[in-house]
PDB file of N, CA and C in Angstrom:
ATOM      1  N   MET A   1     -16.102   4.906  14.160  1.00  0.00           N
ATOM      2  CA  MET A   1     -15.600   4.660  12.741  1.00  0.00           C
ATOM      3  C   MET A   1     -15.036   3.296  13.123  1.00  0.00           C
ATOM      4  N   THR A   2     -15.872   2.013  12.536  1.00  0.00           N
ATOM      5  CA  THR A   2     -15.657   0.925  12.556  1.00  0.00           C
ATOM      6  C   THR A   2     -14.551   0.334  11.655  1.00  0.00           C
ATOM      7  N   THR A   3     -13.809  -0.931  12.369  1.00  0.00           N
ATOM      8  CA  THR A   3     -12.883  -1.058  11.815  1.00  0.00           C
ATOM      9  C   THR A   3     -13.042  -2.574  10.667  1.00  0.00           C
ATOM     10  N   PRO A   4     -12.419  -2.167   9.493  1.00  0.00           N
ATOM     11  CA  PRO A   4     -13.224  -3.397   8.662  1.00  0.00           C
ATOM     12  C   PRO A   4     -12.451  -4.986   9.268  1.00  0.00           C
ATOM     13  N   GLU A   5     -13.200  -5.492   8.591  1.00  0.00           N
ATOM     14  CA  GLU A   5     -13.405  -6.660   9.401  1.00  0.00           C
ATOM     15  C   GLU A   5     -12.011  -7.642   8.060  1.00  0.00           C
ATOM     16  N   ILE A   6     -11.100  -8.551   8.191  1.00  0.00           N
ATOM     17  CA  ILE A   6     -10.319  -9.271   7.674  1.00  0.00           C
ATOM     18  C   ILE A   6     -10.755 -10.487   7.579  1.00  0.00           C
ATOM     19  N   ASN A   7     -10.634 -11.186   6.377  1.00  0.00           N
ATOM     20  CA  ASN A   7     -10.724 -12.381   5.959  1.00  0.00           C
ATOM     21  C   ASN A   7     -10.154 -12.949   7.160  1.00  0.00           C
ATOM     22  N   PRO A   8     -10.680 -14.452   6.851  1.00  0.00           N
ATOM     23  CA  PRO A   8      -9.811 -15.443   7.822  1.00  0.00           C
ATOM     24  C   PRO A   8      -8.299 -16.227   7.282  1.00  0.00           C
ATOM     25  N   ILE A   9      -7.426 -16.137   7.624  1.00  0.00           N
ATOM     26  CA  ILE A   9      -5.643 -16.538   7.321  1.00  0.00           C
ATOM     27  C   ILE A   9      -5.838 -17.430   6.430  1.00  0.00           C
ATOM     28  N   THR A  10      -5.119 -17.374   4.895  1.00  0.00           N
ATOM     29  CA  THR A  10      -4.794 -18.272   4.457  1.00  0.00           C
ATOM     30  C   THR A  10      -3.503 -18.352   4.390  1.00  0.00           C
ATOM     31  N   GLU A  11      -3.014 -19.485   4.318  1.00  0.00           N
ATOM     32  CA  GLU A  11      -1.283 -19.541   4.983  1.00  0.00           C
ATOM     33  C   GLU A  11      -0.533 -20.505   4.447  1.00  0.00           C
ATOM     34  N   LYS A  12       0.513 -20.461   4.185  1.00  0.00           N
ATOM     35  CA  LYS A  12       1.320 -21.127   3.306  1.00  0.00           C
ATOM     36  C   LYS A  12       0.571 -21.609   1.908  1.00  0.00           C
ATOM     37  N   GLN A  13       0.086 -20.958   1.259  1.00  0.00           N
ATOM     38  CA  GLN A  13      -0.631 -21.476   0.027  1.00  0.00           C
ATOM     39  C   GLN A  13       0.486 -20.759  -1.406  1.00  0.00           C
ATOM     40  N   ALA A  14       0.553 -21.545  -2.492  1.00  0.00           N
ATOM     41  CA  ALA A  14       1.172 -21.103  -3.766  1.00  0.00           C
ATOM     42  C   ALA A  14      -0.117 -20.842  -5.007  1.00  0.00           C
ATOM     43  N   ILE A  15      -0.176 -19.415  -4.827  1.00  0.00           N
ATOM     44  CA  ILE A  15      -1.357 -19.238  -6.112  1.00  0.00           C
ATOM     45  C   ILE A  15      -0.957 -19.044  -7.057  1.00  0.00           C
ATOM     46  N   GLU A  16      -1.179 -19.661  -8.185  1.00  0.00           N
ATOM     47  CA  GLU A  16      -0.958 -19.203  -9.491  1.00  0.00           C
ATOM     48  C   GLU A  16      -2.045 -19.044 -10.372  1.00  0.00           C
ATOM     49  N   GLY A  17      -1.611 -18.091 -11.218  1.00  0.00           N
ATOM     50  CA  GLY A  17      -2.866 -17.799 -12.583  1.00  0.00           C
ATOM     51  C   GLY A  17      -4.264 -17.241 -11.772  1.00  0.00           C
ATOM     52  N   GLN A  18      -4.282 -17.078 -10.829  1.00  0.00           N
ATOM     53  CA  GLN A  18      -5.482 -16.441 -10.571  1.00  0.00           C
ATOM     54  C   GLN A  18      -6.202 -15.042 -10.210  1.00  0.00           C
ATOM     55  N   CYS A  19      -6.544 -14.186 -10.265  1.00  0.00           N
ATOM     56  CA  CYS A  19      -7.158 -12.871  -9.959  1.00  0.00           C
ATOM     57  C   CYS A  19      -7.527 -12.642  -8.092  1.00  0.00           C
ATOM     58  N   VAL A  20      -6.453 -12.088  -7.648  1.00  0.00           N
ATOM     59  CA  VAL A  20      -6.552 -12.092  -6.130  1.00  0.00           C
ATOM     60  C   VAL A  20      -7.025 -10.799  -6.016  1.00  0.00           C
ATOM     61  N   MET A  21      -7.847 -10.591  -4.794  1.00  0.00           N
ATOM     62  CA  MET A  21      -8.038  -8.908  -4.299  1.00  0.00           C
ATOM     63  C   MET A  21      -7.665  -9.189  -2.774  1.00  0.00           C
ATOM     64  N   LEU A  22      -6.949  -7.875  -2.954  1.00  0.00           N
ATOM     65  CA  LEU A  22      -6.275  -7.725  -1.122  1.00  0.00           C
ATOM     66  C   LEU A  22      -6.617  -6.971  -0.526  1.00  0.00           C
ATOM     67  N   ASP A  23      -7.930  -6.447  -1.197  1.00  0.00           N
ATOM     68  CA  ASP A  23      -8.866  -5.734  -0.005  1.00  0.00           C
ATOM     69  C   ASP A  23      -9.294  -7.082   1.002  1.00  0.00           C
ATOM     70  N   ASN A  24      -9.153  -6.596   2.426  1.00  0.00           N
ATOM     71  CA  ASN A  24     -10.026  -7.865   3.620  1.00  0.00           C
ATOM     72  C   ASN A  24      -9.284  -8.920   3.428  1.00  0.00           C
ATOM     73  N   ALA A  25      -8.061  -8.892   2.425  1.00  0.00           N
ATOM     74  CA  ALA A  25      -7.209  -9.999   2.776  1.00  0.00           C
ATOM     75  C   ALA A  25      -6.335 -10.270   4.091  1.00  0.00           C
ATOM     76  N   ASN A  26      -5.996 -11.629   3.985  1.00  0.00           N
ATOM     77  CA  ASN A  26      -5.079 -12.302   4.886  1.00  0.00           C
ATOM     78  C   ASN A  26      -4.280 -13.452   4.755  1.00  0.00           C
ATOM     79  N   TYR A  27      -3.480 -12.616   4.187  1.00  0.00           N
ATOM     80  CA  TYR A  27      -2.400 -14.659   3.177  1.00  0.00           C
ATOM     81  C   TYR A  27      -1.078 -13.791   4.506  1.00  0.00           C
ATOM     82  N   GLU A  28      -0.653 -15.293   4.419  1.00  0.00           N
ATOM     83  CA  GLU A  28       0.958 -15.364   5.487  1.00  0.00           C
ATOM     84  C   GLU A  28       1.416 -16.062   4.690  1.00  0.00           C
ATOM     85  N   ILE A  29       2.902 -15.841   4.742  1.00  0.00           N
ATOM     86  CA  ILE A  29       3.801 -16.967   3.852  1.00  0.00           C
ATOM     87  C   ILE A  29       3.269 -17.755   2.427  1.00  0.00           C
ATOM     88  N   CYS A  30       2.834 -16.584   1.556  1.00  0.00           N
ATOM     89  CA  CYS A  30       2.244 -17.102   0.513  1.00  0.00           C
ATOM     90  C   CYS A  30       2.665 -16.574  -1.152  1.00  0.00           C
ATOM     91  N   ALA A  31       2.955 -17.398  -1.930  1.00  0.00           N
ATOM     92  CA  ALA A  31       3.519 -17.063  -2.993  1.00  0.00           C
ATOM     93  C   ALA A  31       2.447 -16.654  -4.642  1.00  0.00           C
ATOM     94  N   PHE A  32       2.546 -15.672  -4.629  1.00  0.00           N
ATOM     95  CA  PHE A  32       1.800 -15.618  -5.980  1.00  0.00           C
ATOM     96  C   PHE A  32       2.700 -15.445  -7.476  1.00  0.00           C
ATOM     97  N   THR A  33       2.203 -16.228  -8.612  1.00  0.00           N
ATOM     98  CA  THR A  33       2.912 -16.696  -9.494  1.00  0.00           C
ATOM     99  C   THR A  33       1.895 -16.196 -10.847  1.00  0.00           C
ATOM    100  N   LYS A  34       2.081 -15.438 -11.174  1.00  0.00           N
ATOM    101  CA  LYS A  34       0.931 -15.291 -13.006  1.00  0.00           C
ATOM    102  C   LYS A  34       0.011 -14.542 -12.369  1.00  0.00           C
ATOM    103  N   CYS A  35       0.017 -13.613 -11.488  1.00  0.00           N
ATOM    104  CA  CYS A  35      -2.333 -13.309 -10.722  1.00  0.00           C
ATOM    105  C   CYS A  35      -2.028 -12.319 -11.336  1.00  0.00           C
ATOM    106  N   GLU A  36      -3.269 -11.732 -11.398  1.00  0.00           N
ATOM    107  CA  GLU A  36      -3.487 -10.367 -11.467  1.00  0.00           C
ATOM    108  C   GLU A  36      -3.832  -9.760  -9.934  1.00  0.00           C
ATOM    109  N   ILE A  37      -2.732  -8.905  -9.661  1.00  0.00           N
ATOM    110  CA  ILE A  37      -3.367  -8.678  -8.127  1.00  0.00           C
ATOM    111  C   ILE A  37      -3.594  -7.294  -7.749  1.00  0.00           C
ATOM    112  N   VAL A  38      -5.137  -6.956  -7.644  1.00  0.00           N
ATOM    113  CA  VAL A  38      -6.036  -5.797  -7.157  1.00  0.00           C
ATOM    114  C   VAL A  38      -5.986  -5.315  -5.957  1.00  0.00           C
ATOM    115  N   TYR A  39      -5.845  -4.649  -5.693  1.00  0.00           N
ATOM    116  CA  TYR A  39      -5.864  -3.809  -4.501  1.00  0.00           C
ATOM    117  C   TYR A  39      -6.427  -2.218  -4.524  1.00  0.00           C
ATOM    118  N   ARG A  40      -7.764  -2.143  -3.345  1.00  0.00           N
ATOM    119  CA  ARG A  40      -8.406  -0.650  -4.065  1.00  0.00           C
ATOM    120  C   ARG A  40      -8.420   0.155  -2.643  1.00  0.00           C
ATOM    121  N   GLY A  41      -6.982  -0.515  -1.947  1.00  0.00           N
ATOM    122  CA  GLY A  41      -7.451   0.731  -0.676  1.00  0.00           C
ATOM    123  C   GLY A  41      -7.837   0.177   0.794  1.00  0.00           C
ATOM    124  N   GLY A  42      -8.490  -1.008   0.851  1.00  0.00           N
ATOM    125  CA  GLY A  42      -8.880  -1.970   2.101  1.00  0.00           C
ATOM    126  C   GLY A  42      -7.983  -2.268   2.830  1.00  0.00           C
ATOM    127  N   ALA A  43      -8.328  -2.761   3.869  1.00  0.00           N
ATOM    128  CA  ALA A  43      -7.610  -3.287   5.502  1.00  0.00           C
ATOM    129  C   ALA A  43      -6.765  -4.107   4.358  1.00  0.00           C
ATOM    130  N   MET A  44      -5.739  -4.998   5.067  1.00  0.00           N
ATOM    131  CA  MET A  44      -5.191  -6.471   4.533  1.00  0.00           C
ATOM    132  C   MET A  44      -4.065  -6.100   5.807  1.00  0.00           C
ATOM    133  N   SER A  45      -3.654  -7.592   6.129  1.00  0.00           N
ATOM    134  CA  SER A  45      -2.384  -8.197   6.616  1.00  0.00           C
ATOM    135  C   SER A  45      -1.273  -8.812   5.535  1.00  0.00           C
ATOM    136  N   THR A  46       0.043  -8.377   6.261  1.00  0.00           N
ATOM    137  CA  THR A  46       0.972  -8.926   4.906  1.00  0.00           C
ATOM    138  C   THR A  46       1.469  -8.906   5.574  1.00  0.00           C
ATOM    139  N   VAL A  47       2.230 -10.530   5.599  1.00  0.00           N
ATOM    140  CA  VAL A  47       3.345 -11.514   6.118  1.00  0.00           C
ATOM    141  C   VAL A  47       3.978 -12.116   4.687  1.00  0.00           C
ATOM    142  N   LYS A  48       5.145 -11.927   4.862  1.00  0.00           N
ATOM    143  CA  LYS A  48       6.007 -12.631   3.782  1.00  0.00           C
ATOM    144  C   LYS A  48       5.056 -13.287   2.697  1.00  0.00           C
ATOM    145  N   TRP A  49       5.245 -12.301   1.756  1.00  0.00           N
ATOM    146  CA  TRP A  49       4.229 -12.403   0.925  1.00  0.00           C
ATOM    147  C   TRP A  49       5.621 -12.257  -0.546  1.00  0.00           C
ATOM    148  N   ARG A  50       5.161 -13.413  -1.628  1.00  0.00           N
ATOM    149  CA  ARG A  50       6.200 -13.272  -2.456  1.00  0.00           C
ATOM    150  C   ARG A  50       5.353 -13.447  -3.881  1.00  0.00           C
ATOM    151  N   PHE A  51       5.861 -12.385  -4.913  1.00  0.00           N
ATOM    152  CA  PHE A  51       5.155 -12.237  -5.800  1.00  0.00           C
ATOM    153  C   PHE A  51       5.940 -12.685  -7.369  1.00  0.00           C
ATOM    154  N   LYS A  52       5.929 -13.211  -8.285  1.00  0.00           N
ATOM    155  CA  LYS A  52       6.581 -13.550  -9.037  1.00  0.00           C
ATOM    156  C   LYS A  52       5.417 -13.811 -10.521  1.00  0.00           C
ATOM    157  N   GLU A  53       6.369 -12.701 -11.373  1.00  0.00           N
ATOM    158  CA  GLU A  53       5.375 -12.630 -12.891  1.00  0.00           C
ATOM    159  C   GLU A  53       3.678 -12.520 -12.697  1.00  0.00           C
ATOM    160  N   CYS A  54       3.779 -11.307 -11.916  1.00  0.00           N
ATOM    161  CA  CYS A  54       2.527 -10.453 -11.728  1.00  0.00           C
ATOM    162  C   CYS A  54       1.955  -9.791 -12.157  1.00  0.00           C
ATOM    163  N   ASP A  55       0.785  -9.292 -12.546  1.00  0.00           N
ATOM    164  CA  ASP A  55       0.176  -7.982 -13.435  1.00  0.00           C
ATOM    165  C   ASP A  55      -0.530  -7.455 -11.908  1.00  0.00           C
ATOM    166  N   PHE A  56       0.107  -5.914 -11.308  1.00  0.00           N
ATOM    167  CA  PHE A  56      -0.618  -4.978 -10.158  1.00  0.00           C
ATOM    168  C   PHE A  56      -1.523  -4.510 -10.719  1.00  0.00           C
ATOM    169  N   TYR A  57      -3.121  -4.047 -10.255  1.00  0.00           N
ATOM    170  CA  TYR A  57      -3.728  -2.863 -10.487  1.00  0.00           C
ATOM    171  C   TYR A  57      -4.334  -2.298  -9.449  1.00  0.00           C
ATOM    172  N   PHE A  58      -4.246  -0.929  -9.168  1.00  0.00           N
ATOM    173  CA  PHE A  58      -4.892  -0.326  -7.990  1.00  0.00           C
ATOM    174  C   PHE A  58      -6.139   0.452  -8.321  1.00  0.00           C
ATOM    175  N   GLY A  59      -7.069   0.327  -7.752  1.00  0.00           N
ATOM    176  CA  GLY A  59      -8.192   0.802  -8.198  1.00  0.00           C
ATOM    177  C   GLY A  59      -8.501   1.977  -6.915  1.00  0.00           C
ATOM    178  N   GLU A  60     -10.091   2.913  -7.143  1.00  0.00           N
ATOM    179  CA  GLU A  60     -10.723   3.385  -6.288  1.00  0.00           C
ATOM    180  C   GLU A  60      -9.552   3.950  -5.225  1.00  0.00           C
ATOM    181  N   ALA A  61      -9.592   3.918  -4.027  1.00  0.00           N
ATOM    182  CA  ALA A  61      -8.649   5.108  -2.753  1.00  0.00           C
ATOM    183  C   ALA A  61      -6.995   4.388  -3.197  1.00  0.00           C
ATOM    184  N   ALA A  62      -7.111   3.261  -3.663  1.00  0.00           N
ATOM    185  CA  ALA A  62      -5.300   2.913  -3.520  1.00  0.00           C
ATOM    186  C   ALA A  62      -5.107   3.770  -5.132  1.00  0.00           C
ATOM    187  N   GLY A  63      -5.552   3.569  -6.121  1.00  0.00           N
ATOM    188  CA  GLY A  63      -5.394   4.138  -7.403  1.00  0.00           C
ATOM    189  C   GLY A  63      -5.593   5.942  -7.210  1.00  0.00           C
ATOM    190  N   LEU A  64      -5.939   6.191  -6.561  1.00  0.00           N
ATOM    191  CA  LEU A  64      -5.951   7.815  -6.463  1.00  0.00           C
ATOM    192  C   LEU A  64      -4.921   7.681  -5.333  1.00  0.00           C
ATOM    193  N   THR A  65      -4.505   7.018  -4.796  1.00  0.00           N
ATOM    194  CA  THR A  65      -3.140   7.729  -3.458  1.00  0.00           C
ATOM    195  C   THR A  65      -1.823   7.166  -4.652  1.00  0.00           C
ATOM    196  N   VAL A  66      -1.990   6.282  -5.452  1.00  0.00           N
ATOM    197  CA  VAL A  66      -0.838   6.304  -6.818  1.00  0.00           C
ATOM    198  C   VAL A  66      -0.591   7.508  -7.715  1.00  0.00           C
ATOM    199  N   LEU A  67      -1.864   7.781  -7.886  1.00  0.00           N
ATOM    200  CA  LEU A  67      -1.563   8.842  -9.262  1.00  0.00           C
ATOM    201  C   LEU A  67      -1.428  10.356  -8.279  1.00  0.00           C
ATOM    202  N   PHE A  68      -1.781  10.451  -6.741  1.00  0.00           N
ATOM    203  CA  PHE A  68      -1.113  11.498  -5.828  1.00  0.00           C
ATOM    204  C   PHE A  68       0.478  11.367  -5.606  1.00  0.00           C
ATOM    205  N   LEU A  69       0.723  10.336  -5.367  1.00  0.00           N
ATOM    206  CA  LEU A  69       2.085   9.764  -5.094  1.00  0.00           C
ATOM    207  C   LEU A  69       3.378  10.728  -6.411  1.00  0.00           C
ATOM    208  N   ARG A  70       2.283  10.105  -7.768  1.00  0.00           N
ATOM    209  CA  ARG A  70       3.155  10.203  -9.210  1.00  0.00           C
ATOM    210  C   ARG A  70       3.143  11.871  -9.161  1.00  0.00           C
ATOM    211  N   GLY A  71       1.892  12.331  -9.074  1.00  0.00           N
ATOM    212  CA  GLY A  71       2.173  13.028  -9.193  1.00  0.00           C
ATOM    213  C   GLY A  71       3.314  14.394  -8.192  1.00  0.00           C
ATOM    214  N   LEU A  72       3.221  13.880  -7.074  1.00  0.00           N
ATOM    215  CA  LEU A  72       4.491  14.735  -6.124  1.00  0.00           C
ATOM    216  C   LEU A  72       5.409  14.188  -6.336  1.00  0.00           C
ATOM    217  N   TYR A  73       5.541  13.207  -7.100  1.00  0.00           N
ATOM    218  CA  TYR A  73       7.131  12.669  -7.719  1.00  0.00           C
ATOM    219  C   TYR A  73       7.516  13.687  -8.548  1.00  0.00           C
ATOM    220  N   ASN A  74       6.507  13.823 -10.102  1.00  0.00           N
ATOM    221  CA  ASN A  74       7.125  14.643 -10.463  1.00  0.00           C
ATOM    222  C   ASN A  74       6.493  15.836 -10.897  1.00  0.00           C
ATOM    223  N   MET A  75       6.504  16.356  -9.675  1.00  0.00           N
ATOM    224  CA  MET A  75       6.621  17.803  -9.543  1.00  0.00           C
ATOM    225  C   MET A  75       7.513  18.762  -9.894  1.00  0.00           C
ATOM    226  N   ASP A  76       7.728  19.950 -10.518  1.00  0.00           N
ATOM    227  CA  ASP A  76       8.826  20.513 -10.845  1.00  0.00           C
ATOM    228  C   ASP A  76       9.296  21.523  -9.624  1.00  0.00           C
ATOM    229  N   GLY A  77      10.561  21.531  -9.790  1.00  0.00           N
ATOM    230  CA  GLY A  77      10.944  22.700  -8.672  1.00  0.00           C
ATOM    231  C   GLY A  77      11.790  21.501  -7.195  1.00  0.00           C
ATOM    232  N   ASP A  78      12.479  22.378  -6.313  1.00  0.00           N
ATOM    233  CA  ASP A  78      12.864  22.097  -5.358  1.00  0.00           C
ATOM    234  C   ASP A  78      12.593  21.560  -3.829  1.00  0.00           C
ATOM    235  N   GLY A  79      11.480  21.728  -3.952  1.00  0.00           N
ATOM    236  CA  GLY A  79      10.524  21.245  -2.803  1.00  0.00           C
ATOM    237  C   GLY A  79      10.438  20.201  -2.112  1.00  0.00           C
ATOM    238  N   GLY A  80      11.442  19.459  -2.479  1.00  0.00           N
ATOM    239  CA  GLY A  80      11.826  18.028  -1.790  1.00  0.00           C
ATOM    240  C   GLY A  80      10.591  16.277  -2.072  1.00  0.00           C
ATOM    241  N   THR A  81       9.409  17.147  -3.373  1.00  0.00           N
ATOM    242  CA  THR A  81       8.569  16.218  -2.969  1.00  0.00           C
ATOM    243  C   THR A  81       8.948  14.515  -3.789  1.00  0.00           C
ATOM    244  N   LYS A  82      10.057  15.084  -4.169  1.00  0.00           N
ATOM    245  CA  LYS A  82      10.599  13.629  -5.406  1.00  0.00           C
ATOM    246  C   LYS A  82      11.376  12.798  -4.303  1.00  0.00           C
ATOM    247  N   GLN A  83      12.272  13.352  -3.496  1.00  0.00           N
ATOM    248  CA  GLN A  83      13.244  12.749  -2.114  1.00  0.00           C
ATOM    249  C   GLN A  83      11.471  12.234  -1.431  1.00  0.00           C
ATOM    250  N   MET A  84      10.747  12.810  -0.848  1.00  0.00           N
ATOM    251  CA  MET A  84       9.527  12.178   0.034  1.00  0.00           C
ATOM    252  C   MET A  84       9.311  11.180  -0.180  1.00  0.00           C
ATOM    253  N   VAL A  85       8.985  10.968  -1.633  1.00  0.00           N
ATOM    254  CA  VAL A  85       8.362  10.352  -2.449  1.00  0.00           C
ATOM    255  C   VAL A  85       9.233   8.639  -2.086  1.00  0.00           C
ATOM    256  N   GLU A  86      10.284   8.721  -2.941  1.00  0.00           N
ATOM    257  CA  GLU A  86      11.652   7.816  -2.584  1.00  0.00           C
ATOM    258  C   GLU A  86      11.642   7.248  -1.530  1.00  0.00           C
ATOM    259  N   ASN A  87      11.698   8.488  -0.317  1.00  0.00           N
ATOM    260  CA  ASN A  87      12.086   7.767   1.340  1.00  0.00           C
ATOM    261  C   ASN A  87      10.940   7.148   1.637  1.00  0.00           C
ATOM    262  N   LEU A  88       9.268   7.648   1.216  1.00  0.00           N
ATOM    263  CA  LEU A  88       8.513   6.389   1.608  1.00  0.00           C
ATOM    264  C   LEU A  88       8.366   5.534   1.164  1.00  0.00           C
ATOM    265  N   LEU A  89       8.603   4.780   0.148  1.00  0.00           N
ATOM    266  CA  LEU A  89       8.694   4.004  -0.469  1.00  0.00           C
ATOM    267  C   LEU A  89       9.911   3.089  -0.105  1.00  0.00           C
ATOM    268  N   ARG A  90      11.065   3.491   0.225  1.00  0.00           N
ATOM    269  CA  ARG A  90      12.239   2.869   0.839  1.00  0.00           C
ATOM    270  C   ARG A  90      12.075   2.123   2.097  1.00  0.00           C
ATOM    271  N   GLY A  91      11.716   2.592   2.959  1.00  0.00           N
ATOM    272  CA  GLY A  91      10.987   2.066   4.416  1.00  0.00           C
ATOM    273  C   GLY A  91      11.935   1.531   4.739  1.00  0.00           C
ATOM    274  N   PRO A  92      12.407   1.232   6.009  1.00  0.00           N
ATOM    275  CA  PRO A  92      10.718   1.875   7.189  1.00  0.00           C
ATOM    276  C   PRO A  92      11.011   3.059   8.073  1.00  0.00           C
ATOM    277  N   HIS A  93      10.133   3.208   8.359  1.00  0.00           N
ATOM    278  CA  HIS A  93       9.792   4.925   8.424  1.00  0.00           C
ATOM    279  C   HIS A  93       9.337   4.997  10.296  1.00  0.00           C
ATOM    280  N   ASP A  94       9.357   6.242  10.593  1.00  0.00           N
ATOM    281  CA  ASP A  94       8.157   6.258  11.500  1.00  0.00           C
ATOM    282  C   ASP A  94       6.387   5.545  11.792  1.00  0.00           C
ATOM    283  N   PRO A  95       6.210   5.768  12.965  1.00  0.00           N
ATOM    284  CA  PRO A  95       4.830   4.926  12.563  1.00  0.00           C
ATOM    285  C   PRO A  95       4.029   5.863  12.321  1.00  0.00           C
ATOM    286  N   PRO A  96       3.009   5.594  11.572  1.00  0.00           N
ATOM    287  CA  PRO A  96       1.735   6.627  11.333  1.00  0.00           C
ATOM    288  C   PRO A  96       1.128   7.444  12.367  1.00  0.00           C
ATOM    289  N   ARG A  97       0.697   9.020  12.267  1.00  0.00           N
ATOM    290  CA  ARG A  97       0.190   9.471  13.135  1.00  0.00           C
ATOM    291  C   ARG A  97      -1.199  10.277  13.022  1.00  0.00           C
ATOM    292  N   TYR A  98      -2.171  10.416  13.733  1.00  0.00           N
ATOM    293  CA  TYR A  98      -2.676  11.423  13.492  1.00  0.00           C
ATOM    294  C   TYR A  98      -2.743  12.703  13.251  1.00  0.00           C
ATOM    295  N   HIS A  99      -3.174  13.270  12.416  1.00  0.00           N
ATOM    296  CA  HIS A  99      -2.587  15.144  11.999  1.00  0.00           C
ATOM    297  C   HIS A  99      -4.224  15.485  13.235  1.00  0.00           C
ATOM    298  N   PRO A 100      -3.764  16.742  13.389  1.00  0.00           N
ATOM    299  CA  PRO A 100      -4.476  16.990  14.359  1.00  0.00           C
ATOM    300  C   PRO A 100      -6.056  17.649  14.503  1.00  0.00           C
ATOM    301  N   LEU A 101      -6.004  17.989  12.843  1.00  0.00           N
ATOM    302  CA  LEU A 101      -6.889  18.889  12.527  1.00  0.00           C
ATOM    303  C   LEU A 101      -8.093  17.701  11.074  1.00  0.00           C
ATOM    304  N   TYR A 102      -7.424  16.399  10.879  1.00  0.00           N
ATOM    305  CA  TYR A 102      -7.612  15.945   9.941  1.00  0.00           C
ATOM    306  C   TYR A 102      -7.318  14.723  10.598  1.00  0.00           C
ATOM    307  N   PRO A 103      -8.852  13.403  11.224  1.00  0.00           N
ATOM    308  CA  PRO A 103      -8.303  12.278  11.604  1.00  0.00           C
ATOM    309  C   PRO A 103      -8.440  11.454  10.786  1.00  0.00           C
ATOM    310  N   ARG A 104      -7.227  11.478  10.015  1.00  0.00           N
ATOM    311  CA  ARG A 104      -6.605  10.306   9.192  1.00  0.00           C
ATOM    312  C   ARG A 104      -5.401  10.019   9.448  1.00  0.00           C
ATOM    313  N   TRP A 105      -4.853   8.555   9.114  1.00  0.00           N
ATOM    314  CA  TRP A 105      -3.033   8.595   9.271  1.00  0.00           C
ATOM    315  C   TRP A 105      -2.360   9.483   8.684  1.00  0.00           C
ATOM    316  N   ARG A 106      -1.639  10.468   9.264  1.00  0.00           N
ATOM    317  CA  ARG A 106      -0.539  10.871   7.936  1.00  0.00           C
ATOM    318  C   ARG A 106       1.151   9.806   8.386  1.00  0.00           C
ATOM    319  N   LEU A 107       1.317   9.538   7.467  1.00  0.00           N
ATOM    320  CA  LEU A 107       2.768   9.103   7.188  1.00  0.00           C
ATOM    321  C   LEU A 107       4.088   9.558   8.384  1.00  0.00           C
ATOM    322  N   GLY A 108       4.050  11.348   8.003  1.00  0.00           N
ATOM    323  CA  GLY A 108       5.222  11.548   8.446  1.00  0.00           C
ATOM    324  C   GLY A 108       6.422  11.921   7.680  1.00  0.00           C
ATOM    325  N   TYR A 109       6.185  11.942   6.454  1.00  0.00           N
ATOM    326  CA  TYR A 109       7.280  11.656   6.031  1.00  0.00           C
ATOM    327  C   TYR A 109       8.081  13.379   5.050  1.00  0.00           C
ATOM    328  N   GLY A 110       8.746  13.486   4.687  1.00  0.00           N
ATOM    329  CA  GLY A 110       9.262  14.874   4.876  1.00  0.00           C
ATOM    330  C   GLY A 110       9.673  15.517   5.467  1.00  0.00           C
ATOM    331  N   ARG A 111      10.199  17.103   4.545  1.00  0.00           N
ATOM    332  CA  ARG A 111      10.605  17.683   5.148  1.00  0.00           C
ATOM    333  C   ARG A 111       9.968  18.619   6.782  1.00  0.00           C
ATOM    334  N   ASP A 112       8.684  18.636   6.403  1.00  0.00           N
ATOM    335  CA  ASP A 112       7.732  19.334   7.429  1.00  0.00           C
ATOM    336  C   ASP A 112       6.879  18.441   8.331  1.00  0.00           C
ATOM    337  N   ARG A 113       7.390  17.620   9.192  1.00  0.00           N
ATOM    338  CA  ARG A 113       6.480  16.767   9.476  1.00  0.00           C
ATOM    339  C   ARG A 113       5.979  17.690  10.833  1.00  0.00           C
ATOM    340  N   LEU A 114       4.811  17.091  11.392  1.00  0.00           N
ATOM    341  CA  LEU A 114       3.839  17.698  12.189  1.00  0.00           C
ATOM    342  C   LEU A 114       4.256  17.405  13.555  1.00  0.00           C
TER     343      LEU A 114
END
């Protein structure tokens, strides 16, 4: 598996009224105002971003992840999924690690850690 290429650094910029694709982005110390922020699940670098009056759009892998987390959050019962999603979003947490049977990052949150 190859590592996705990250774009060159855009640093210390005030970006206003633009459609900004976060996939493969490398923004550092940037402020986004009244922008359309689009994220599809690709690699990116996040260093001190600020958002003001922006609309966010999650597509492809990112959109599916949002739907999955929403489903976990809204499940009935006391399985701990709502608390797990809240803890996940609250951060900071343990670093991700690989699941032994599925070579993807597992975040390691919830009651049943690997």
